[in-house]
């Protein structure tokens, strides 16, 4: 994208391989970076984050063009892609690093995050109490290079073919029918 007026958003909804891949398929998304936020260790490694001792969540930082896709649309997709009622897990992925979390940069963005959460809760899409954390973004650490675009490089890896692939197929069907996919990346 040539637009230099990009905004960014950071959130976590389980394994970042799936979240990153899906958001990269959307019109208006310039880039997605898998990484870690919300912990107390500087420059954590994947192994450290997976140990559960750093306090970080697996997250994705998304740069997007708000003239093409809105914050609210990104939030709708965020709540489509994961179950916000599961505490510290998504499916068989268990641990605080898989928590549902939205990070905000300022008070205005915090209010937008809270409104998006309420909209999703009110929709009735997910049964149960939402446990999505809404926290101030302190630091974002990019994950190791091999995590970036992981699914695209490793679609036949067992976790990718069993978990990530089916989620991406469901995502493509739903958002493809809405005309929100970038046909150059699908």
N, C-alpha and C. Protein backbone atom coordinates (compact mmCIF):
# COMPACT_ATOMS: atom_id res chain seq x y z
N UNK A 1 0.84 -1.19 0.00
CA UNK A 1 0.00 0.00 0.00
C UNK A 1 0.88 1.24 0.00
N UNK A 2 0.46 2.22 -0.76
CA UNK A 2 1.22 3.46 -0.82
C UNK A 2 0.81 4.45 0.26
N UNK A 3 -0.33 4.23 0.88
CA UNK A 3 -0.85 5.14 1.90
C UNK A 3 0.09 5.15 3.11
N UNK A 4 0.56 6.31 3.47
CA UNK A 4 1.45 6.43 4.64
C UNK A 4 0.66 6.71 5.92
N UNK A 5 -0.68 6.78 5.81
CA UNK A 5 -1.53 7.05 6.97
C UNK A 5 -2.06 5.76 7.57
N UNK A 6 -1.17 4.82 7.80
CA UNK A 6 -1.57 3.54 8.36
C UNK A 6 -1.75 3.67 9.87
N UNK A 7 -2.68 2.91 10.38
CA UNK A 7 -2.87 2.77 11.82
C UNK A 7 -2.43 1.37 12.19
N UNK A 8 -2.28 1.10 13.48
CA UNK A 8 -1.94 -0.26 13.87
C UNK A 8 -2.74 -0.67 15.09
N UNK A 9 -2.87 -1.97 15.24
CA UNK A 9 -3.60 -2.57 16.34
C UNK A 9 -2.86 -3.84 16.73
N UNK A 10 -2.87 -4.14 18.02
CA UNK A 10 -2.20 -5.35 18.52
C UNK A 10 -3.17 -6.13 19.40
N UNK A 11 -3.31 -7.41 19.10
CA UNK A 11 -4.16 -8.26 19.93
C UNK A 11 -3.73 -9.71 19.82
N UNK A 12 -4.24 -10.50 20.76
CA UNK A 12 -3.95 -11.93 20.78
C UNK A 12 -5.23 -12.73 20.90
N UNK A 13 -5.32 -13.76 20.09
CA UNK A 13 -6.48 -14.64 20.11
C UNK A 13 -6.07 -16.08 19.89
N UNK A 14 -5.13 -16.55 20.70
CA UNK A 14 -4.63 -17.91 20.53
C UNK A 14 -3.32 -17.90 19.76
N UNK A 15 -3.04 -18.99 19.08
CA UNK A 15 -1.80 -19.14 18.33
C UNK A 15 -1.68 -18.05 17.27
N UNK A 16 -0.55 -17.37 17.25
CA UNK A 16 -0.41 -16.25 16.31
C UNK A 16 -0.26 -16.70 14.86
N UNK A 17 0.05 -17.95 14.60
CA UNK A 17 0.17 -18.42 13.22
C UNK A 17 -1.14 -18.24 12.46
N UNK A 18 -2.24 -18.59 13.10
CA UNK A 18 -3.55 -18.49 12.45
C UNK A 18 -4.00 -17.04 12.34
N UNK A 19 -3.87 -16.30 13.43
CA UNK A 19 -4.33 -14.91 13.45
C UNK A 19 -3.60 -14.10 12.37
N UNK A 20 -2.28 -14.24 12.33
CA UNK A 20 -1.49 -13.50 11.34
C UNK A 20 -1.91 -13.85 9.92
N UNK A 21 -2.04 -15.13 9.64
CA UNK A 21 -2.37 -15.56 8.28
C UNK A 21 -3.71 -14.99 7.84
N UNK A 22 -4.72 -15.08 8.69
CA UNK A 22 -6.05 -14.59 8.31
C UNK A 22 -6.05 -13.08 8.07
N UNK A 23 -5.47 -12.32 8.96
CA UNK A 23 -5.50 -10.86 8.80
C UNK A 23 -4.69 -10.41 7.59
N UNK A 24 -3.67 -11.16 7.22
CA UNK A 24 -2.89 -10.82 6.03
C UNK A 24 -3.70 -10.96 4.75
N UNK A 25 -4.82 -11.66 4.80
CA UNK A 25 -5.65 -11.88 3.62
C UNK A 25 -6.65 -10.76 3.35
N UNK A 26 -6.76 -9.82 4.27
CA UNK A 26 -7.80 -8.79 4.19
C UNK A 26 -7.41 -7.57 3.36
N UNK A 27 -8.38 -7.05 2.64
CA UNK A 27 -8.19 -5.76 1.96
C UNK A 27 -7.95 -4.71 3.04
N UNK A 28 -6.97 -3.85 2.81
CA UNK A 28 -6.70 -2.76 3.75
C UNK A 28 -5.64 -3.08 4.78
N UNK A 29 -5.24 -4.35 4.88
CA UNK A 29 -4.17 -4.71 5.82
C UNK A 29 -2.85 -4.65 5.07
N UNK A 30 -1.94 -3.85 5.60
CA UNK A 30 -0.63 -3.67 4.98
C UNK A 30 0.34 -4.75 5.42
N UNK A 31 0.35 -5.06 6.73
CA UNK A 31 1.27 -6.07 7.24
C UNK A 31 0.80 -6.59 8.59
N UNK A 32 1.25 -7.79 8.90
CA UNK A 32 0.99 -8.41 10.20
C UNK A 32 2.31 -8.97 10.71
N UNK A 33 2.59 -8.71 11.96
CA UNK A 33 3.82 -9.21 12.57
C UNK A 33 3.43 -10.02 13.81
N UNK A 34 3.83 -11.27 13.84
CA UNK A 34 3.61 -12.09 15.03
C UNK A 34 4.62 -11.68 16.08
N UNK A 35 4.17 -11.66 17.34
CA UNK A 35 5.08 -11.26 18.40
C UNK A 35 4.52 -11.54 19.78
N UNK A 36 5.08 -10.83 20.75
CA UNK A 36 4.75 -11.04 22.16
C UNK A 36 4.51 -9.68 22.84
N UNK A 37 3.49 -9.63 23.70
CA UNK A 37 3.20 -8.42 24.48
C UNK A 37 2.61 -8.83 25.82
N UNK A 38 2.65 -7.88 26.74
CA UNK A 38 1.96 -8.05 28.00
C UNK A 38 2.73 -8.75 29.10
N UNK A 39 4.00 -8.93 28.92
CA UNK A 39 4.79 -9.64 29.93
C UNK A 39 5.80 -8.75 30.60
N UNK A 40 6.65 -9.37 31.39
CA UNK A 40 7.63 -8.64 32.19
C UNK A 40 9.08 -8.94 31.82
N UNK A 41 9.30 -9.77 30.82
CA UNK A 41 10.65 -10.11 30.38
C UNK A 41 10.96 -9.34 29.11
N UNK A 42 12.13 -8.70 29.06
CA UNK A 42 12.54 -7.99 27.85
C UNK A 42 13.01 -8.98 26.80
N UNK A 43 12.63 -8.74 25.55
CA UNK A 43 13.05 -9.55 24.41
C UNK A 43 12.85 -11.05 24.65
N UNK A 44 11.64 -11.47 24.97
CA UNK A 44 11.42 -12.89 25.25
C UNK A 44 11.56 -13.74 23.99
N UNK A 45 11.94 -14.98 24.19
CA UNK A 45 11.99 -15.94 23.10
C UNK A 45 10.71 -16.77 23.11
N UNK A 46 10.45 -17.46 22.03
CA UNK A 46 9.28 -18.32 21.94
C UNK A 46 9.30 -19.36 23.06
N UNK A 47 10.45 -19.95 23.27
CA UNK A 47 10.59 -20.98 24.32
C UNK A 47 10.25 -20.40 25.69
N UNK A 48 10.72 -19.18 25.97
CA UNK A 48 10.42 -18.54 27.26
C UNK A 48 8.93 -18.23 27.39
N UNK A 49 8.34 -17.71 26.32
CA UNK A 49 6.91 -17.39 26.36
C UNK A 49 6.09 -18.66 26.57
N UNK A 50 6.46 -19.74 25.88
CA UNK A 50 5.74 -21.00 26.02
C UNK A 50 5.88 -21.61 27.41
N UNK A 51 6.92 -21.23 28.14
CA UNK A 51 7.10 -21.75 29.50
C UNK A 51 6.07 -21.17 30.46
N UNK A 52 5.44 -20.06 30.06
CA UNK A 52 4.44 -19.41 30.89
C UNK A 52 5.03 -18.53 31.98
N UNK A 53 6.33 -18.34 31.98
CA UNK A 53 6.97 -17.57 33.06
C UNK A 53 7.19 -16.10 32.72
N UNK A 54 6.99 -15.70 31.47
CA UNK A 54 7.27 -14.30 31.09
C UNK A 54 6.04 -13.40 31.19
N UNK A 55 4.86 -13.99 31.22
CA UNK A 55 3.63 -13.21 31.26
C UNK A 55 3.16 -12.70 29.91
N UNK A 56 3.89 -12.99 28.85
CA UNK A 56 3.52 -12.50 27.51
C UNK A 56 2.42 -13.34 26.89
N UNK A 57 1.69 -12.70 25.99
CA UNK A 57 0.72 -13.37 25.13
C UNK A 57 1.29 -13.41 23.72
N UNK A 58 0.93 -14.46 22.98
CA UNK A 58 1.22 -14.46 21.55
C UNK A 58 0.25 -13.47 20.92
N UNK A 59 0.77 -12.50 20.20
CA UNK A 59 -0.05 -11.44 19.63
C UNK A 59 0.33 -11.20 18.17
N UNK A 60 -0.50 -10.43 17.51
CA UNK A 60 -0.21 -9.98 16.15
C UNK A 60 -0.38 -8.47 16.11
N UNK A 61 0.61 -7.79 15.57
CA UNK A 61 0.55 -6.34 15.36
C UNK A 61 0.20 -6.13 13.89
N UNK A 62 -0.92 -5.46 13.66
CA UNK A 62 -1.45 -5.29 12.31
C UNK A 62 -1.38 -3.82 11.91
N UNK A 63 -0.75 -3.55 10.78
CA UNK A 63 -0.76 -2.21 10.19
C UNK A 63 -1.84 -2.21 9.11
N UNK A 64 -2.76 -1.24 9.21
CA UNK A 64 -3.89 -1.23 8.29
C UNK A 64 -4.24 0.19 7.86
N UNK A 65 -4.95 0.26 6.75
CA UNK A 65 -5.41 1.54 6.21
C UNK A 65 -6.85 1.76 6.67
N UNK A 66 -7.09 2.68 7.61
CA UNK A 66 -8.44 2.89 8.13
C UNK A 66 -9.43 3.43 7.09
N UNK A 67 -8.93 3.85 5.92
CA UNK A 67 -9.84 4.27 4.86
C UNK A 67 -10.40 3.07 4.10
N UNK A 68 -9.77 1.91 4.27
CA UNK A 68 -10.22 0.69 3.58
C UNK A 68 -10.89 -0.29 4.55
N UNK A 69 -10.32 -0.43 5.73
CA UNK A 69 -10.87 -1.34 6.74
C UNK A 69 -10.82 -0.62 8.09
N UNK A 70 -11.92 -0.68 8.80
CA UNK A 70 -12.01 0.07 10.05
C UNK A 70 -11.54 -0.75 11.26
N UNK A 71 -11.26 -0.04 12.32
CA UNK A 71 -10.93 -0.67 13.60
C UNK A 71 -12.06 -1.62 14.00
N UNK A 72 -13.29 -1.18 13.85
CA UNK A 72 -14.45 -1.98 14.23
C UNK A 72 -14.54 -3.26 13.40
N UNK A 73 -14.22 -3.19 12.11
CA UNK A 73 -14.22 -4.39 11.28
C UNK A 73 -13.12 -5.35 11.73
N UNK A 74 -11.96 -4.81 12.06
CA UNK A 74 -10.87 -5.66 12.56
C UNK A 74 -11.28 -6.35 13.85
N UNK A 75 -11.97 -5.63 14.71
CA UNK A 75 -12.44 -6.22 15.97
C UNK A 75 -13.49 -7.31 15.73
N UNK A 76 -14.38 -7.07 14.78
CA UNK A 76 -15.38 -8.09 14.44
C UNK A 76 -14.67 -9.38 14.01
N UNK A 77 -13.65 -9.24 13.19
CA UNK A 77 -12.89 -10.39 12.70
C UNK A 77 -12.13 -11.05 13.85
N UNK A 78 -11.55 -10.26 14.71
CA UNK A 78 -10.85 -10.78 15.90
C UNK A 78 -11.78 -11.69 16.70
N UNK A 79 -13.01 -11.25 16.94
CA UNK A 79 -13.94 -12.06 17.72
C UNK A 79 -14.52 -13.23 16.92
N UNK A 80 -14.43 -13.18 15.59
CA UNK A 80 -14.83 -14.31 14.74
C UNK A 80 -13.79 -15.43 14.83
N UNK A 81 -12.52 -15.05 14.89
CA UNK A 81 -11.43 -16.02 14.79
C UNK A 81 -11.13 -16.83 16.04
N UNK A 82 -11.58 -16.38 17.18
CA UNK A 82 -11.27 -17.13 18.40
C UNK A 82 -12.44 -17.07 19.37
N UNK A 83 -12.42 -17.93 20.34
CA UNK A 83 -13.48 -18.00 21.35
C UNK A 83 -13.06 -17.15 22.55
N UNK A 84 -13.66 -15.97 22.72
CA UNK A 84 -13.26 -15.07 23.79
C UNK A 84 -13.79 -15.47 25.16
N UNK A 85 -14.44 -16.64 25.24
CA UNK A 85 -14.93 -17.12 26.54
C UNK A 85 -13.98 -18.15 27.15
N UNK A 86 -12.93 -18.51 26.44
CA UNK A 86 -11.98 -19.50 26.95
C UNK A 86 -10.83 -18.79 27.65
N UNK A 87 -10.67 -19.04 28.93
CA UNK A 87 -9.62 -18.39 29.71
C UNK A 87 -8.28 -19.09 29.50
N UNK A 88 -7.30 -18.31 29.04
CA UNK A 88 -5.93 -18.79 28.87
C UNK A 88 -5.82 -20.04 28.01
N UNK A 89 -6.61 -20.05 26.94
CA UNK A 89 -6.53 -21.18 26.01
C UNK A 89 -7.32 -20.86 24.76
N UNK A 90 -7.04 -21.61 23.72
CA UNK A 90 -7.87 -21.68 22.53
C UNK A 90 -7.80 -23.13 22.08
N UNK A 91 -8.91 -23.84 22.19
CA UNK A 91 -8.91 -25.25 21.83
C UNK A 91 -7.92 -26.02 22.67
N UNK A 92 -7.03 -26.76 22.01
CA UNK A 92 -6.03 -27.56 22.72
C UNK A 92 -4.78 -26.76 23.10
N UNK A 93 -4.70 -25.51 22.67
CA UNK A 93 -3.57 -24.65 23.05
C UNK A 93 -3.89 -24.06 24.42
N UNK A 94 -3.13 -24.46 25.44
CA UNK A 94 -3.42 -24.05 26.81
C UNK A 94 -2.23 -23.29 27.39
N UNK A 95 -2.53 -22.18 28.06
CA UNK A 95 -1.50 -21.39 28.72
C UNK A 95 -1.82 -19.92 28.60
N UNK A 96 -1.25 -19.12 29.48
CA UNK A 96 -1.54 -17.68 29.48
C UNK A 96 -1.11 -17.02 28.17
N UNK A 97 -0.16 -17.61 27.47
CA UNK A 97 0.29 -17.02 26.20
C UNK A 97 -0.79 -17.08 25.12
N UNK A 98 -1.84 -17.89 25.34
CA UNK A 98 -2.92 -18.02 24.36
C UNK A 98 -4.16 -17.23 24.76
N UNK A 99 -4.02 -16.34 25.72
CA UNK A 99 -5.18 -15.59 26.22
C UNK A 99 -5.75 -14.65 25.15
N UNK A 100 -7.02 -14.34 25.34
CA UNK A 100 -7.71 -13.38 24.49
C UNK A 100 -7.40 -11.99 25.05
N UNK A 101 -6.78 -11.14 24.24
CA UNK A 101 -6.35 -9.84 24.74
C UNK A 101 -6.34 -8.80 23.62
N UNK A 102 -6.79 -7.61 23.95
CA UNK A 102 -6.72 -6.46 23.05
C UNK A 102 -5.84 -5.42 23.73
N UNK A 103 -4.81 -4.96 23.03
CA UNK A 103 -3.94 -3.92 23.57
C UNK A 103 -4.31 -2.58 22.92
N UNK A 104 -4.34 -1.54 23.73
CA UNK A 104 -4.66 -0.21 23.22
C UNK A 104 -3.50 0.73 23.49
N UNK A 105 -3.44 1.82 22.69
CA UNK A 105 -2.35 2.79 22.81
C UNK A 105 -2.75 4.03 23.60
N UNK A 106 -4.04 4.37 23.57
CA UNK A 106 -4.50 5.58 24.26
C UNK A 106 -5.94 5.39 24.72
N UNK A 107 -6.45 6.38 25.41
CA UNK A 107 -7.80 6.28 25.98
C UNK A 107 -8.87 6.11 24.91
N UNK A 108 -8.73 6.81 23.80
CA UNK A 108 -9.72 6.71 22.72
C UNK A 108 -9.76 5.27 22.17
N UNK A 109 -8.59 4.67 22.00
CA UNK A 109 -8.55 3.31 21.49
C UNK A 109 -9.07 2.32 22.54
N UNK A 110 -8.83 2.61 23.81
CA UNK A 110 -9.37 1.75 24.86
C UNK A 110 -10.90 1.74 24.80
N UNK A 111 -11.49 2.91 24.60
CA UNK A 111 -12.95 3.00 24.52
C UNK A 111 -13.48 2.24 23.30
N UNK A 112 -12.77 2.32 22.18
CA UNK A 112 -13.17 1.58 20.98
C UNK A 112 -13.08 0.08 21.23
N UNK A 113 -12.04 -0.35 21.95
CA UNK A 113 -11.88 -1.78 22.25
C UNK A 113 -13.02 -2.26 23.14
N UNK A 114 -13.36 -1.48 24.15
CA UNK A 114 -14.45 -1.85 25.07
C UNK A 114 -15.79 -1.89 24.33
N UNK A 115 -16.00 -0.95 23.42
CA UNK A 115 -17.23 -0.93 22.64
C UNK A 115 -17.31 -2.16 21.72
N UNK A 116 -16.19 -2.51 21.11
CA UNK A 116 -16.16 -3.69 20.22
C UNK A 116 -16.43 -4.97 21.01
N UNK A 117 -15.86 -5.06 22.19
CA UNK A 117 -16.11 -6.23 23.03
C UNK A 117 -17.59 -6.32 23.38
N UNK A 118 -18.18 -5.21 23.75
CA UNK A 118 -19.62 -5.18 24.11
C UNK A 118 -20.47 -5.56 22.90
N UNK A 119 -20.13 -5.05 21.73
CA UNK A 119 -20.87 -5.39 20.51
C UNK A 119 -20.81 -6.90 20.26
N UNK A 120 -19.64 -7.48 20.43
CA UNK A 120 -19.52 -8.92 20.22
C UNK A 120 -20.30 -9.70 21.28
N UNK A 121 -20.19 -9.28 22.54
CA UNK A 121 -20.96 -9.95 23.61
C UNK A 121 -22.45 -9.88 23.32
N UNK A 122 -22.93 -8.71 22.91
CA UNK A 122 -24.35 -8.51 22.64
C UNK A 122 -24.84 -9.30 21.43
N UNK A 123 -23.91 -9.69 20.55
CA UNK A 123 -24.29 -10.42 19.34
C UNK A 123 -24.76 -11.84 19.64
N UNK A 124 -24.32 -12.38 20.76
CA UNK A 124 -24.68 -13.75 21.12
C UNK A 124 -23.91 -14.82 20.35
N UNK A 125 -22.89 -14.43 19.60
CA UNK A 125 -22.10 -15.39 18.83
C UNK A 125 -21.46 -16.45 19.72
N UNK A 126 -20.95 -16.04 20.86
CA UNK A 126 -20.28 -16.96 21.79
C UNK A 126 -21.11 -17.08 23.06
N UNK A 127 -21.38 -18.29 23.47
CA UNK A 127 -22.09 -18.53 24.72
C UNK A 127 -21.10 -18.47 25.87
N UNK A 128 -21.48 -17.82 26.95
CA UNK A 128 -20.62 -17.74 28.12
C UNK A 128 -20.09 -16.34 28.33
N UNK A 129 -19.38 -16.19 29.42
CA UNK A 129 -18.82 -14.90 29.81
C UNK A 129 -17.50 -14.66 29.07
N UNK A 130 -17.38 -13.48 28.48
CA UNK A 130 -16.14 -13.13 27.80
C UNK A 130 -15.03 -12.91 28.84
N UNK A 131 -13.84 -13.39 28.52
CA UNK A 131 -12.69 -13.21 29.40
C UNK A 131 -11.59 -12.39 28.70
N UNK A 132 -11.93 -11.75 27.61
CA UNK A 132 -10.96 -10.95 26.85
C UNK A 132 -10.41 -9.83 27.73
N UNK A 133 -9.10 -9.79 27.83
CA UNK A 133 -8.40 -8.75 28.60
C UNK A 133 -8.24 -7.53 27.69
N UNK A 134 -8.40 -6.35 28.25
CA UNK A 134 -8.14 -5.11 27.52
C UNK A 134 -7.10 -4.36 28.33
N UNK A 135 -5.90 -4.21 27.75
CA UNK A 135 -4.77 -3.65 28.49
C UNK A 135 -4.00 -2.64 27.64
N UNK A 136 -3.32 -1.76 28.33
CA UNK A 136 -2.45 -0.77 27.69
C UNK A 136 -1.26 -1.50 27.07
N UNK A 137 -0.95 -1.17 25.84
CA UNK A 137 0.22 -1.73 25.17
C UNK A 137 1.47 -1.06 25.71
N UNK A 138 2.28 -1.83 26.37
CA UNK A 138 3.54 -1.28 26.90
C UNK A 138 4.66 -1.52 25.90
N UNK A 139 4.82 -2.77 25.49
CA UNK A 139 5.88 -3.12 24.53
C UNK A 139 5.40 -4.24 23.64
N UNK A 140 5.89 -4.22 22.42
CA UNK A 140 5.65 -5.29 21.46
C UNK A 140 7.01 -5.81 21.04
N UNK A 141 7.19 -7.11 21.13
CA UNK A 141 8.44 -7.74 20.68
C UNK A 141 8.11 -8.66 19.51
N UNK A 142 8.69 -8.40 18.34
CA UNK A 142 8.46 -9.32 17.21
C UNK A 142 8.95 -10.72 17.57
N UNK A 143 8.20 -11.72 17.14
CA UNK A 143 8.62 -13.10 17.35
C UNK A 143 9.79 -13.40 16.41
N UNK A 144 10.43 -14.50 16.66
CA UNK A 144 11.55 -14.94 15.83
C UNK A 144 11.11 -15.01 14.36
N UNK A 145 12.04 -14.82 13.46
CA UNK A 145 11.74 -14.74 12.03
C UNK A 145 10.99 -15.97 11.53
N UNK A 146 11.31 -17.15 12.03
CA UNK A 146 10.65 -18.34 11.51
C UNK A 146 9.15 -18.39 11.83
N UNK A 147 8.67 -17.56 12.75
CA UNK A 147 7.24 -17.49 13.04
C UNK A 147 6.49 -16.59 12.06
N UNK A 148 7.19 -15.70 11.40
CA UNK A 148 6.55 -14.75 10.48
C UNK A 148 6.10 -15.49 9.23
N UNK A 149 4.82 -15.43 8.92
CA UNK A 149 4.30 -16.14 7.75
C UNK A 149 4.43 -17.64 7.89
N UNK A 150 4.40 -18.14 9.12
CA UNK A 150 4.67 -19.56 9.39
C UNK A 150 3.77 -20.50 8.59
N UNK A 151 2.47 -20.24 8.60
CA UNK A 151 1.55 -21.14 7.90
C UNK A 151 1.84 -21.18 6.40
N UNK A 152 2.14 -20.04 5.81
CA UNK A 152 2.40 -19.99 4.37
C UNK A 152 3.59 -20.86 3.97
N UNK A 153 4.56 -20.96 4.86
CA UNK A 153 5.77 -21.75 4.59
C UNK A 153 5.60 -23.21 5.02
N UNK A 154 4.71 -23.45 6.01
CA UNK A 154 4.59 -24.79 6.60
C UNK A 154 3.14 -25.30 6.63
N UNK A 155 2.39 -25.22 5.54
CA UNK A 155 0.98 -25.62 5.59
C UNK A 155 0.78 -27.11 5.91
N UNK A 156 1.79 -27.93 5.63
CA UNK A 156 1.66 -29.37 5.87
C UNK A 156 2.18 -29.81 7.23
N UNK A 157 2.71 -28.87 8.01
CA UNK A 157 3.13 -29.19 9.37
C UNK A 157 1.88 -29.68 10.09
N UNK A 158 1.96 -30.73 10.92
CA UNK A 158 0.75 -31.33 11.50
C UNK A 158 -0.19 -30.34 12.20
N UNK A 159 0.31 -29.43 13.02
CA UNK A 159 -0.55 -28.46 13.69
C UNK A 159 -1.23 -27.56 12.66
N UNK A 160 -0.48 -27.14 11.67
CA UNK A 160 -1.03 -26.25 10.64
C UNK A 160 -2.12 -26.94 9.85
N UNK A 161 -1.91 -28.19 9.45
CA UNK A 161 -2.92 -28.87 8.63
C UNK A 161 -4.15 -29.25 9.46
N UNK A 162 -3.96 -29.54 10.75
CA UNK A 162 -5.09 -29.97 11.58
C UNK A 162 -5.87 -28.80 12.18
N UNK A 163 -5.19 -27.71 12.54
CA UNK A 163 -5.83 -26.61 13.27
C UNK A 163 -5.90 -25.32 12.45
N UNK A 164 -4.77 -24.87 11.97
CA UNK A 164 -4.71 -23.58 11.29
C UNK A 164 -5.43 -23.62 9.94
N UNK A 165 -5.16 -24.62 9.13
CA UNK A 165 -5.76 -24.72 7.81
C UNK A 165 -7.28 -24.68 7.82
N UNK A 166 -7.94 -25.51 8.65
CA UNK A 166 -9.41 -25.45 8.68
C UNK A 166 -9.95 -24.10 9.14
N UNK A 167 -9.26 -23.45 10.07
CA UNK A 167 -9.71 -22.13 10.53
C UNK A 167 -9.58 -21.11 9.40
N UNK A 168 -8.50 -21.19 8.64
CA UNK A 168 -8.31 -20.28 7.51
C UNK A 168 -9.37 -20.52 6.44
N UNK A 169 -9.70 -21.78 6.18
CA UNK A 169 -10.73 -22.10 5.18
C UNK A 169 -12.08 -21.51 5.60
N UNK A 170 -12.44 -21.64 6.86
CA UNK A 170 -13.69 -21.07 7.37
C UNK A 170 -13.68 -19.54 7.23
N UNK A 171 -12.54 -18.94 7.58
CA UNK A 171 -12.36 -17.49 7.48
C UNK A 171 -12.52 -17.03 6.03
N UNK A 172 -11.84 -17.72 5.10
CA UNK A 172 -11.89 -17.34 3.68
C UNK A 172 -13.31 -17.43 3.14
N UNK A 173 -14.03 -18.47 3.52
CA UNK A 173 -15.40 -18.63 3.04
C UNK A 173 -16.26 -17.48 3.54
N UNK A 174 -16.23 -17.21 4.83
CA UNK A 174 -17.09 -16.19 5.41
C UNK A 174 -16.74 -14.79 4.92
N UNK A 175 -15.46 -14.42 4.99
CA UNK A 175 -15.08 -13.05 4.62
C UNK A 175 -14.91 -12.89 3.11
N UNK A 176 -14.70 -13.99 2.39
CA UNK A 176 -14.69 -13.94 0.93
C UNK A 176 -16.07 -13.59 0.41
N UNK A 177 -17.12 -14.19 1.04
CA UNK A 177 -18.49 -13.89 0.65
C UNK A 177 -18.85 -12.43 0.96
N UNK A 178 -18.18 -11.84 1.93
CA UNK A 178 -18.42 -10.42 2.27
C UNK A 178 -17.60 -9.49 1.39
N UNK A 179 -16.74 -10.05 0.53
CA UNK A 179 -15.91 -9.24 -0.35
C UNK A 179 -14.77 -8.51 0.35
N UNK A 180 -14.32 -9.06 1.48
CA UNK A 180 -13.29 -8.37 2.27
C UNK A 180 -11.88 -8.90 2.04
N UNK A 181 -11.73 -9.93 1.21
CA UNK A 181 -10.41 -10.51 1.01
C UNK A 181 -9.67 -9.81 -0.13
N UNK A 182 -8.38 -9.68 0.06
CA UNK A 182 -7.51 -9.13 -0.97
C UNK A 182 -7.23 -10.23 -1.97
N UNK A 183 -7.75 -10.10 -3.18
CA UNK A 183 -7.64 -11.17 -4.17
C UNK A 183 -6.19 -11.42 -4.58
N UNK A 184 -5.29 -10.49 -4.31
CA UNK A 184 -3.89 -10.69 -4.63
C UNK A 184 -3.19 -11.60 -3.63
N UNK A 185 -3.75 -11.73 -2.41
CA UNK A 185 -3.11 -12.54 -1.39
C UNK A 185 -3.82 -13.86 -1.11
N UNK A 186 -5.01 -14.04 -1.65
CA UNK A 186 -5.80 -15.25 -1.34
C UNK A 186 -5.31 -16.42 -2.14
